[in-house]
Amino acid sequence: MMTMPRLILAGDRSSAGKTTISTGVMSLLHERGMKVQPFKVGLDYIDPSYHSLATGRQGENLDGYLMSEQAIVEAFQHSAGGSDIAIIEGVRGLYEGLEALSDIGSTAQIAKILKTPVVLVLDAQSITRSTAAIVKGYKDFDKGINFKGVILNKVGSDRHAEKATAAIQKYTGVEVLGAIPRNKGMSLTMRHLGLVPAREGASRVDDFDARITKIKEIIGEHVNLDRLLEIANGAPKLRTGKQSIFKQEKSAGVRIGVALDEAFNFYYKDNVDLLQLKGAEVVYFSPLHDREIPDVDGLIIGGGYPEFFARELSDNGSMRKSIADASVNGMPIYAECGGMMYLTSALEDEHGKKFDMVGVMGGVASMKHIRHIGYVAGQLEKDTPIGEKGTFFKGHEFHYSVITDVPFDAKFAYRMDRGTGIKDGLDGMLTNNTLGSYTHLHAASYVPFARSFVDACVEHKGP
């Protein structure tokens, strides 16, 4: 049994203010000297970057569609160990998930698996008495949810807060733990795929630090942090089993380079952790700022926003050549979405201007105003650095680009049963020992990932 204070901050809908409030709460607890482990329901990369900034601990993703119940508990146990409290930010509305008639993929599903108390963040703009109806509906919809309170967001005035609070307490008995006023200072920088990642924001947004500080001040003044702590401390013990996924193995004697900078920073915590648990040493490098790859036996280039750094990436010709040479020499290279775009021949921005990229893979990564988002599933049709032919996988895709001018003889490793992929239901372009895809994989869901990639690096390195 695991004793761990924990709390879920869920929303009544998307854009209710979950990320802003969760980040502020985590930051305030961190300032109290607590070791706060952040979690995010769903497969979002950007929200956890703010959590990490606030807590100094890397955010963890939990997803009930991709991950088994055992994997969710194991992942929680792995990351929360050694912390004082776990704060879990929900995804969309509390009950939103994959299906209309089940809670698969929802915040509610995670709340039940991890037996975690839930506090609802409610967008109260322009409603008062109706807030009680909404809260009552959320409270009564699923009796399996340990519904402990509500935080009102986007409140217009003290009178507005008083009326909404009175209605909620009278008609639902649910405790109101805060009423946050409408304030431009509570907004974080946005763009087409959501929030600007924290790493990029810190380097490119002039008032970024001031925004974070303002959010923290507002939440500290208007949310009952001590009561949130009491609720988290009241979470029941969680039954855990022997770790089967997150097991430390002996050193494999290989080093894996992981691209990490403003352009490439979309990584699930478990993916990197599991590479290390399988005995690899992880070495970070920057395709933007470094001149060549480090001395490594394999490369991973994650997602991000290469389109916003296309000129800088193109101008760094020595890095592009270094990666291309490694691919030609058979080094295992795995790239997802933005990383895969970087490996193509060129990146075409939304104005039609092209920038030379690494050129390992044929085709042009072209920015289009067509959004592809959702879960994916498929099967490996070829042996790859991350798994053998015949292996099934589930994952996620989220992009506005398409790959054009795909060579007629391009080899694809993924046959997609669900999702868009690169072309005609195919994904995972394979060149040499280099694999690039729009599919994002979570290594606690697609368990062969870490073991297979480390083994591929060992084989490439040789005796």
Protein backbone atom coordinates (compact mmCIF):
# COMPACT_ATOMS: atom_id res chain seq x y z
CA MET A 1 0.00 0.00 0.00
CA MET A 2 1.26 3.47 -0.93
CA THR A 3 0.48 6.49 1.22
CA MET A 4 0.66 9.63 -0.92
CA PRO A 5 -1.23 12.91 -0.49
CA ARG A 6 -2.77 13.64 -3.87
CA LEU A 7 -5.37 15.79 -5.58
CA ILE A 8 -6.91 16.13 -9.03
CA LEU A 9 -7.74 19.59 -10.37
CA ALA A 10 -10.35 18.86 -13.04
CA GLY A 11 -12.27 21.22 -15.30
CA ASP A 12 -15.90 21.55 -16.26
CA ARG A 13 -14.69 22.05 -19.87
CA SER A 14 -11.64 22.92 -21.95
CA SER A 15 -10.27 26.41 -21.25
CA ALA A 16 -11.80 26.49 -17.77
CA GLY A 17 -8.39 27.51 -16.42
CA LYS A 18 -7.03 24.16 -15.23
CA THR A 19 -3.45 24.66 -16.39
CA THR A 20 -3.12 28.16 -15.03
CA ILE A 21 -4.60 27.24 -11.66
CA SER A 22 -2.74 23.94 -11.41
CA THR A 23 0.57 25.65 -12.19
CA GLY A 24 -0.11 28.34 -9.61
CA VAL A 25 -1.08 25.84 -6.90
CA MET A 26 1.98 23.69 -7.61
CA SER A 27 4.26 26.73 -7.50
CA LEU A 28 2.83 27.93 -4.18
CA LEU A 29 3.24 24.49 -2.61
CA HIS A 30 6.79 24.33 -3.94
CA GLU A 31 7.51 27.69 -2.33
CA ARG A 32 6.39 26.20 0.98
CA GLY A 33 9.26 23.76 0.67
CA MET A 34 7.19 20.79 -0.48
CA LYS A 35 8.35 18.28 -3.08
CA VAL A 36 5.47 18.44 -5.54
CA GLN A 37 5.15 15.77 -8.24
CA PRO A 38 3.03 17.01 -11.13
CA PHE A 39 0.88 14.82 -13.37
CA LYS A 40 -1.24 15.54 -16.43
CA VAL A 41 -4.16 13.40 -17.60
CA GLY A 42 -3.92 12.79 -21.33
CA LEU A 43 -1.08 13.12 -23.79
CA ASP A 44 -0.42 16.85 -23.71
CA TYR A 45 3.26 17.84 -23.73
CA ILE A 46 2.93 21.55 -23.05
CA ASP A 47 0.99 21.66 -19.78
CA PRO A 48 3.57 19.43 -18.04
CA SER A 49 6.30 21.87 -19.12
CA TYR A 50 4.62 24.53 -16.95
CA HIS A 51 4.22 22.05 -14.12
CA SER A 52 7.93 21.26 -14.30
CA LEU A 53 8.80 24.94 -14.29
CA ALA A 54 6.68 25.43 -11.16
CA THR A 55 7.94 22.43 -9.20
CA GLY A 56 11.43 21.59 -10.41
CA ARG A 57 10.20 18.02 -11.04
CA GLN A 58 9.37 16.72 -14.51
CA GLY A 59 5.66 16.32 -15.20
CA GLU A 60 4.24 12.84 -15.87
CA ASN A 61 1.43 11.93 -18.28
CA LEU A 62 -1.31 9.41 -17.42
CA ASP A 63 -3.73 8.18 -20.08
CA GLY A 64 -6.42 5.58 -19.56
CA TYR A 65 -6.85 4.73 -23.25
CA LEU A 66 -3.20 4.04 -23.97
CA MET A 67 -2.16 2.69 -20.57
CA SER A 68 -3.46 -0.30 -18.68
CA GLU A 69 -4.65 0.17 -15.10
CA GLN A 70 -1.48 -1.55 -13.92
CA ALA A 71 0.70 0.77 -16.00
CA ILE A 72 -1.10 3.84 -14.60
CA VAL A 73 -0.53 2.72 -11.01
CA GLU A 74 3.10 1.78 -11.76
CA ALA A 75 3.78 5.11 -13.47
CA PHE A 76 2.22 7.01 -10.58
CA GLN A 77 4.21 5.02 -8.05
CA HIS A 78 7.44 5.48 -10.03
CA SER A 79 7.16 9.27 -10.34
CA ALA A 80 5.43 10.17 -7.07
CA GLY A 81 7.93 8.24 -4.96
CA GLY A 82 10.07 10.61 -2.92
CA SER A 83 7.65 13.52 -3.21
CA ASP A 84 5.44 15.08 -0.53
CA ILE A 85 2.32 15.52 -2.64
CA ALA A 86 1.03 14.71 -6.12
CA ILE A 87 -1.06 17.26 -8.03
CA ILE A 88 -2.83 15.91 -11.12
CA GLU A 89 -4.22 18.28 -13.74
CA GLY A 90 -7.16 16.86 -15.65
CA VAL A 91 -7.89 16.95 -19.36
CA ARG A 92 -10.84 18.83 -20.90
CA GLY A 93 -14.02 18.32 -18.85
CA LEU A 94 -13.90 15.85 -15.96
CA TYR A 95 -15.89 13.20 -17.82
CA GLU A 96 -14.62 13.80 -21.37
CA GLY A 97 -12.79 10.83 -22.85
CA LEU A 98 -12.69 8.56 -25.86
CA GLU A 99 -16.35 7.51 -25.84
CA ALA A 100 -19.76 8.91 -25.00
CA LEU A 101 -20.84 5.97 -22.84
CA SER A 102 -17.66 5.15 -20.90
CA ASP A 103 -15.00 7.04 -19.00
CA ILE A 104 -12.06 5.58 -20.97
CA GLY A 105 -9.40 8.23 -21.49
CA SER A 106 -11.02 10.68 -19.07
CA THR A 107 -9.93 12.42 -15.90
CA ALA A 108 -12.70 10.56 -14.08
CA GLN A 109 -11.13 7.24 -15.05
CA ILE A 110 -7.76 8.27 -13.59
CA ALA A 111 -9.48 9.59 -10.44
CA LYS A 112 -11.04 6.17 -9.84
CA ILE A 113 -7.96 4.12 -10.67
CA LEU A 114 -5.76 6.21 -8.35
CA LYS A 115 -8.50 6.78 -5.74
CA THR A 116 -7.83 10.51 -5.82
CA PRO A 117 -10.04 13.34 -4.51
CA VAL A 118 -11.29 15.74 -7.19
CA VAL A 119 -11.66 19.52 -7.05
CA LEU A 120 -13.55 21.01 -10.01
CA VAL A 121 -12.37 24.20 -11.71
CA LEU A 122 -15.57 25.85 -12.95
CA ASP A 123 -15.72 28.65 -15.51
CA ALA A 124 -18.22 30.90 -13.75
CA GLN A 125 -18.18 33.74 -16.25
CA SER A 126 -21.66 35.29 -16.62
CA ILE A 127 -23.44 32.72 -14.39
CA THR A 128 -24.30 32.71 -10.68
CA ARG A 129 -27.16 30.44 -9.59
CA SER A 130 -26.50 28.21 -12.59
CA THR A 131 -23.13 27.32 -11.10
CA ALA A 132 -25.03 25.23 -8.56
CA ALA A 133 -26.77 23.28 -11.30
CA ILE A 134 -23.45 22.57 -13.01
CA VAL A 135 -21.75 21.50 -9.78
CA LYS A 136 -24.70 19.31 -8.81
CA GLY A 137 -24.59 17.62 -12.20
CA TYR A 138 -20.87 16.92 -11.96
CA LYS A 139 -21.16 15.68 -8.39
CA ASP A 140 -24.07 13.33 -9.06
CA PHE A 141 -23.09 12.07 -12.52
CA ASP A 142 -20.68 9.40 -11.25
CA LYS A 143 -20.88 8.38 -7.61
CA GLY A 144 -17.49 6.71 -7.95
CA ILE A 145 -15.81 10.12 -7.99
CA ASN A 146 -14.57 11.48 -4.65
CA PHE A 147 -15.87 14.98 -5.37
CA LYS A 148 -14.43 17.31 -2.70
CA GLY A 149 -14.83 20.91 -3.83
CA VAL A 150 -14.98 23.57 -6.51
CA ILE A 151 -12.86 26.56 -7.49
CA LEU A 152 -14.76 29.29 -9.34
CA ASN A 153 -12.78 30.90 -12.12
CA LYS A 154 -13.32 34.10 -14.17
CA VAL A 155 -15.53 35.67 -11.50
CA GLY A 156 -16.67 39.21 -12.31
CA SER A 157 -16.88 40.77 -8.82
CA ASP A 158 -17.06 40.03 -5.10
CA ARG A 159 -20.86 40.09 -5.34
CA HIS A 160 -20.73 37.59 -8.21
CA ALA A 161 -18.55 35.28 -6.10
CA GLU A 162 -20.84 35.60 -3.06
CA LYS A 163 -24.00 34.72 -5.02
CA ALA A 164 -22.43 31.75 -6.81
CA THR A 165 -20.91 30.45 -3.57
CA ALA A 166 -24.21 30.74 -1.72
CA ALA A 167 -26.07 28.86 -4.46
CA ILE A 168 -23.51 26.05 -4.64
CA GLN A 169 -23.42 25.55 -0.89
CA LYS A 170 -27.22 25.58 -0.52
CA TYR A 171 -28.12 23.29 -3.42
CA THR A 172 -25.14 20.93 -3.53
CA GLY A 173 -23.35 21.03 -0.18
CA VAL A 174 -20.06 21.21 -2.08
CA GLU A 175 -17.36 23.37 -0.56
CA VAL A 176 -16.19 26.39 -2.58
CA LEU A 177 -12.42 26.55 -2.18
CA GLY A 178 -11.73 29.68 -4.16
CA ALA A 179 -13.15 32.37 -6.43
CA ILE A 180 -10.64 33.75 -8.89
CA PRO A 181 -11.45 37.08 -10.55
CA ARG A 182 -11.34 37.67 -14.30
CA ASN A 183 -7.90 39.09 -14.88
CA LYS A 184 -5.76 39.35 -18.01
CA GLY A 185 -2.82 38.39 -15.82
CA MET A 186 -4.27 34.88 -15.57
CA SER A 187 -3.72 34.17 -19.27
CA LEU A 188 -0.73 32.31 -20.66
CA THR A 189 0.65 32.77 -24.17
CA MET A 190 -1.30 30.81 -26.79
CA ARG A 191 -0.87 29.72 -30.40
CA HIS A 192 -2.27 27.21 -32.90
CA LEU A 193 -1.48 24.01 -30.95
CA GLY A 194 -2.23 25.52 -27.55
CA LEU A 195 0.08 27.11 -25.02
CA VAL A 196 3.63 28.09 -25.88
CA PRO A 197 5.91 25.48 -24.22
CA ALA A 198 7.48 26.80 -21.02
CA ARG A 199 11.05 26.30 -22.29
CA GLU A 200 10.35 28.40 -25.38
CA GLY A 201 8.27 30.95 -23.48
CA ALA A 202 11.08 31.58 -21.02
CA SER A 203 13.43 32.40 -23.90
CA ARG A 204 11.12 34.21 -26.32
CA VAL A 205 8.27 35.88 -24.40
CA ASP A 206 9.47 39.11 -22.83
CA ASP A 207 7.12 39.16 -19.83
CA PHE A 208 6.99 35.39 -19.33
CA ASP A 209 8.39 35.34 -15.77
CA ALA A 210 6.18 38.25 -14.78
CA ARG A 211 3.09 36.39 -16.02
CA ILE A 212 3.93 33.32 -13.97
CA THR A 213 4.53 35.48 -10.89
CA LYS A 214 1.22 37.30 -11.38
CA ILE A 215 -0.69 34.01 -11.70
CA LYS A 216 0.87 32.77 -8.47
CA GLU A 217 -0.04 35.98 -6.64
CA ILE A 218 -3.68 35.87 -7.77
CA ILE A 219 -4.14 32.22 -6.84
CA GLY A 220 -2.40 32.70 -3.50
CA GLU A 221 -4.88 35.47 -2.67
CA HIS A 222 -8.08 33.80 -3.89
CA VAL A 223 -7.67 30.03 -3.32
CA ASN A 224 -7.72 28.26 0.05
CA LEU A 225 -4.41 26.44 -0.29
CA ASP A 226 -4.51 25.04 3.25
CA ARG A 227 -7.86 23.39 2.57
CA LEU A 228 -6.55 21.90 -0.68
CA LEU A 229 -3.72 20.38 1.34
CA GLU A 230 -6.17 18.90 3.85
CA ILE A 231 -8.13 17.29 1.02
CA ALA A 232 -4.96 15.88 -0.55
CA ASN A 233 -3.80 14.53 2.80
CA GLY A 234 -7.13 12.74 3.16
CA ALA A 235 -6.59 10.62 0.03
CA PRO A 236 -6.83 6.90 0.87
CA LYS A 237 -3.92 4.49 0.65
CA LEU A 238 -3.30 3.20 -2.86
CA ARG A 239 -2.78 -0.50 -3.46
CA THR A 240 0.37 -1.06 -5.53
CA GLY A 241 2.06 -4.19 -6.81
CA LYS A 242 5.53 -5.26 -7.83
CA GLN A 243 6.95 -3.09 -10.58
CA SER A 244 6.97 -4.92 -13.90
CA ILE A 245 7.59 -1.96 -16.22
CA PHE A 246 9.76 0.41 -14.21
CA LYS A 247 12.52 -1.99 -13.21
CA GLN A 248 16.16 -0.93 -13.04
CA GLU A 249 18.42 -3.09 -15.19
CA LYS A 250 22.21 -3.24 -15.38
CA SER A 251 24.13 -0.82 -17.57
CA ALA A 252 23.86 -1.54 -21.29
CA GLY A 253 27.00 0.47 -21.99
CA VAL A 254 25.36 2.78 -24.52
CA ARG A 255 24.70 6.51 -24.68
CA ILE A 256 21.53 7.89 -26.29
CA GLY A 257 21.40 11.48 -27.48
CA VAL A 258 18.06 13.21 -26.88
CA ALA A 259 17.39 16.50 -28.68
CA LEU A 260 16.22 19.14 -26.20
CA ASP A 261 15.91 22.85 -26.86
CA GLU A 262 13.32 25.46 -27.83
CA ALA A 263 12.47 23.63 -31.06
CA PHE A 264 12.33 20.05 -29.73
CA ASN A 265 10.99 19.46 -26.23
CA PHE A 266 7.96 17.18 -26.49
CA TYR A 267 8.85 14.09 -24.47
CA TYR A 268 6.87 11.90 -22.15
CA LYS A 269 8.77 11.54 -18.89
CA ASP A 270 8.38 7.77 -18.95
CA ASN A 271 10.07 7.47 -22.33
CA VAL A 272 13.31 8.97 -21.06
CA ASP A 273 13.06 7.29 -17.64
CA LEU A 274 12.60 3.86 -19.20
CA LEU A 275 15.60 4.29 -21.51
CA GLN A 276 17.65 4.93 -18.39
CA LEU A 277 16.07 2.03 -16.49
CA LYS A 278 17.01 -0.25 -19.41
CA GLY A 279 20.63 0.68 -18.78
CA ALA A 280 21.25 3.53 -21.23
CA GLU A 281 22.89 6.84 -20.42
CA VAL A 282 20.87 9.80 -21.75
CA VAL A 283 22.83 12.75 -23.14
CA TYR A 284 20.93 15.91 -24.13
CA PHE A 285 21.94 18.02 -27.11
CA SER A 286 20.53 20.95 -29.09
CA PRO A 287 19.96 20.86 -32.87
CA LEU A 288 19.57 24.63 -32.63
CA HIS A 289 22.67 25.60 -30.67
CA ASP A 290 25.20 22.74 -30.87
CA ARG A 291 27.41 22.24 -33.92
CA GLU A 292 27.23 18.44 -34.03
CA ILE A 293 25.74 15.49 -32.18
CA PRO A 294 27.52 14.27 -29.04
CA ASP A 295 29.43 10.97 -28.83
CA VAL A 296 26.41 8.66 -28.67
CA ASP A 297 25.19 5.30 -29.96
CA GLY A 298 21.64 6.38 -30.85
CA LEU A 299 19.52 9.50 -31.30
CA ILE A 300 15.97 10.48 -30.34
CA ILE A 301 14.48 13.68 -31.73
CA GLY A 302 11.11 14.43 -30.18
CA GLY A 303 8.29 16.67 -31.24
CA GLY A 304 8.10 20.41 -30.92
CA TYR A 305 7.81 23.45 -33.16
CA PRO A 306 10.58 23.26 -35.78
CA GLU A 307 8.47 25.51 -38.02
CA PHE A 308 9.12 28.45 -35.69
CA PHE A 309 12.87 27.82 -35.82
CA ALA A 310 13.18 26.72 -39.44
CA ARG A 311 15.76 29.33 -40.41
CA GLU A 312 17.98 28.65 -37.38
CA LEU A 313 17.76 24.88 -37.89
CA SER A 314 18.56 25.26 -41.58
CA ASP A 315 21.47 27.61 -40.93
CA ASN A 316 23.07 25.07 -38.56
CA GLY A 317 24.45 23.03 -41.44
CA SER A 318 27.11 21.26 -39.40
CA MET A 319 24.46 19.76 -37.11
CA ARG A 320 22.33 18.67 -40.05
CA LYS A 321 25.35 16.99 -41.64
CA SER A 322 26.29 15.34 -38.34
CA ILE A 323 22.84 13.74 -38.04
CA ALA A 324 22.74 12.75 -41.71
CA ASP A 325 26.14 11.08 -41.44
CA ALA A 326 25.03 9.17 -38.34
CA SER A 327 21.97 7.90 -40.20
CA VAL A 328 24.00 6.78 -43.22
CA ASN A 329 26.32 4.92 -40.84
CA GLY A 330 23.38 2.95 -39.46
CA MET A 331 22.99 4.64 -36.08
CA PRO A 332 19.51 3.98 -34.60
CA ILE A 333 17.56 7.23 -34.87
CA TYR A 334 13.95 7.67 -33.76
CA ALA A 335 12.03 10.89 -34.46
CA GLU A 336 8.44 11.89 -33.68
CA CYS A 337 6.38 14.55 -35.43
CA GLY A 338 8.50 17.74 -35.24
CA GLY A 339 11.61 15.59 -35.07
CA MET A 340 10.50 13.68 -38.14
CA MET A 341 9.83 16.98 -39.96
CA TYR A 342 13.42 18.00 -39.19
CA LEU A 343 14.70 14.81 -40.86
CA THR A 344 12.90 15.47 -44.17
CA SER A 345 14.47 17.23 -47.13
CA ALA A 346 12.92 20.61 -46.40
CA LEU A 347 10.42 22.43 -44.22
CA GLU A 348 7.95 24.68 -46.01
CA ASP A 349 6.41 27.41 -43.86
CA GLU A 350 2.84 28.68 -44.19
CA HIS A 351 4.00 31.36 -46.66
CA GLY A 352 5.54 28.79 -49.01
CA LYS A 353 9.18 29.50 -48.13
CA LYS A 354 11.34 26.38 -47.93
CA PHE A 355 14.24 25.73 -45.58
CA ASP A 356 16.70 22.88 -45.99
CA MET A 357 16.48 20.25 -43.27
CA VAL A 358 18.58 17.14 -42.52
CA GLY A 359 17.52 15.27 -45.68
CA VAL A 360 17.66 11.77 -44.24
CA MET A 361 14.06 11.17 -45.33
CA GLY A 362 12.47 12.18 -48.60
CA GLY A 363 9.57 14.58 -48.75
CA VAL A 364 8.83 18.11 -47.62
CA ALA A 365 7.25 18.98 -44.27
CA SER A 366 4.65 21.54 -45.29
CA MET A 367 2.67 23.66 -42.84
CA LYS A 368 -1.04 23.54 -43.67
CA HIS A 369 -4.11 24.83 -41.84
CA ILE A 370 -5.39 21.29 -41.37
CA ARG A 371 -5.40 19.92 -37.84
CA HIS A 372 -4.79 16.24 -37.21
CA ILE A 373 -5.41 15.30 -33.59
CA GLY A 374 -6.40 12.15 -31.75
CA TYR A 375 -5.51 8.66 -30.70
CA VAL A 376 -3.90 6.34 -33.21
CA ALA A 377 -3.40 2.58 -33.35
CA GLY A 378 -1.59 0.29 -35.71
CA GLN A 379 0.89 -2.48 -36.31
CA LEU A 380 4.56 -2.63 -37.23
CA GLU A 381 4.92 -4.11 -40.71
CA LYS A 382 8.73 -4.08 -40.64
CA ASP A 383 11.44 -4.58 -38.05
CA THR A 384 12.43 -1.19 -36.60
CA PRO A 385 14.73 0.22 -33.91
CA ILE A 386 11.72 0.33 -31.55
CA GLY A 387 10.11 -3.05 -32.18
CA GLU A 388 9.73 -6.08 -34.37
CA LYS A 389 7.37 -6.71 -37.26
CA GLY A 390 3.92 -7.76 -36.08
CA THR A 391 3.95 -5.67 -32.88
CA PHE A 392 0.78 -3.68 -32.16
CA PHE A 393 0.84 -0.15 -30.75
CA LYS A 394 -1.44 2.67 -29.63
CA GLY A 395 -0.38 6.30 -29.61
CA HIS A 396 -1.37 9.86 -30.39
CA GLU A 397 -0.92 12.44 -33.16
CA PHE A 398 -1.27 16.22 -33.07
CA HIS A 399 -0.01 18.31 -35.99
CA TYR A 400 -0.85 20.93 -38.59
CA SER A 401 1.77 19.83 -41.11
CA VAL A 402 1.68 17.25 -43.89
CA ILE A 403 4.51 15.50 -45.72
CA THR A 404 4.40 16.27 -49.45
CA ASP A 405 6.56 14.98 -52.30
CA VAL A 406 6.97 11.63 -50.60
CA PRO A 407 9.29 9.45 -52.75
CA PHE A 408 7.52 6.68 -54.65
CA ASP A 409 9.87 4.11 -53.12
CA ALA A 410 9.54 5.34 -49.51
CA LYS A 411 9.41 2.54 -46.95
CA PHE A 412 6.80 2.71 -44.18
CA ALA A 413 6.92 0.63 -41.00
CA TYR A 414 3.46 1.42 -39.57
CA ARG A 415 0.11 0.26 -40.92
CA MET A 416 -2.47 2.50 -39.26
CA ASP A 417 -5.79 1.06 -38.08
CA ARG A 418 -6.72 4.40 -36.52
CA GLY A 419 -5.25 7.83 -37.29
CA THR A 420 -3.86 9.71 -40.28
CA GLY A 421 -0.13 9.02 -40.36
CA ILE A 422 2.04 10.29 -43.21
CA LYS A 423 0.32 8.91 -46.31
CA ASP A 424 -2.54 6.56 -47.21
CA GLY A 425 -2.88 5.10 -43.71
CA LEU A 426 0.87 4.57 -43.43
CA ASP A 427 3.28 6.09 -40.94
CA GLY A 428 6.78 5.45 -39.66
CA MET A 429 9.02 6.27 -42.62
CA LEU A 430 12.09 4.04 -42.45
CA THR A 431 15.48 4.91 -43.96
CA ASN A 432 18.71 3.11 -43.01
CA ASN A 433 18.17 2.53 -39.29
CA THR A 434 16.22 5.79 -38.95
CA LEU A 435 12.50 5.82 -38.12
CA GLY A 436 10.34 8.95 -38.29
CA SER A 437 6.60 9.20 -37.66
CA TYR A 438 3.73 11.49 -36.81
CA THR A 439 2.74 8.96 -34.15
CA HIS A 440 3.78 9.78 -30.58
CA LEU A 441 4.33 6.68 -28.44
CA HIS A 442 4.18 6.45 -24.65
CA ALA A 443 6.72 3.94 -23.37
CA ALA A 444 4.56 2.76 -20.46
CA SER A 445 1.88 1.93 -23.02
CA TYR A 446 4.01 0.66 -25.89
CA VAL A 447 6.32 -1.25 -23.56
CA PRO A 448 8.75 -2.63 -26.22
CA PHE A 449 9.93 0.92 -27.00
CA ALA A 450 12.76 1.36 -24.50
CA ARG A 451 14.07 -2.20 -24.51
CA SER A 452 14.08 -2.38 -28.32
CA PHE A 453 15.80 0.97 -28.82
CA VAL A 454 18.50 0.27 -26.25
CA ASP A 455 19.11 -3.15 -27.82
CA ALA A 456 19.38 -1.51 -31.27
CA CYS A 457 22.00 0.89 -29.89
CA VAL A 458 23.95 -1.98 -28.35
CA GLU A 459 23.89 -3.86 -31.65
CA HIS A 460 25.03 -0.79 -33.58
CA LYS A 461 27.87 -0.11 -31.15
CA GLY A 462 29.08 -3.67 -31.38
CA PRO A 463 31.56 -5.44 -29.07
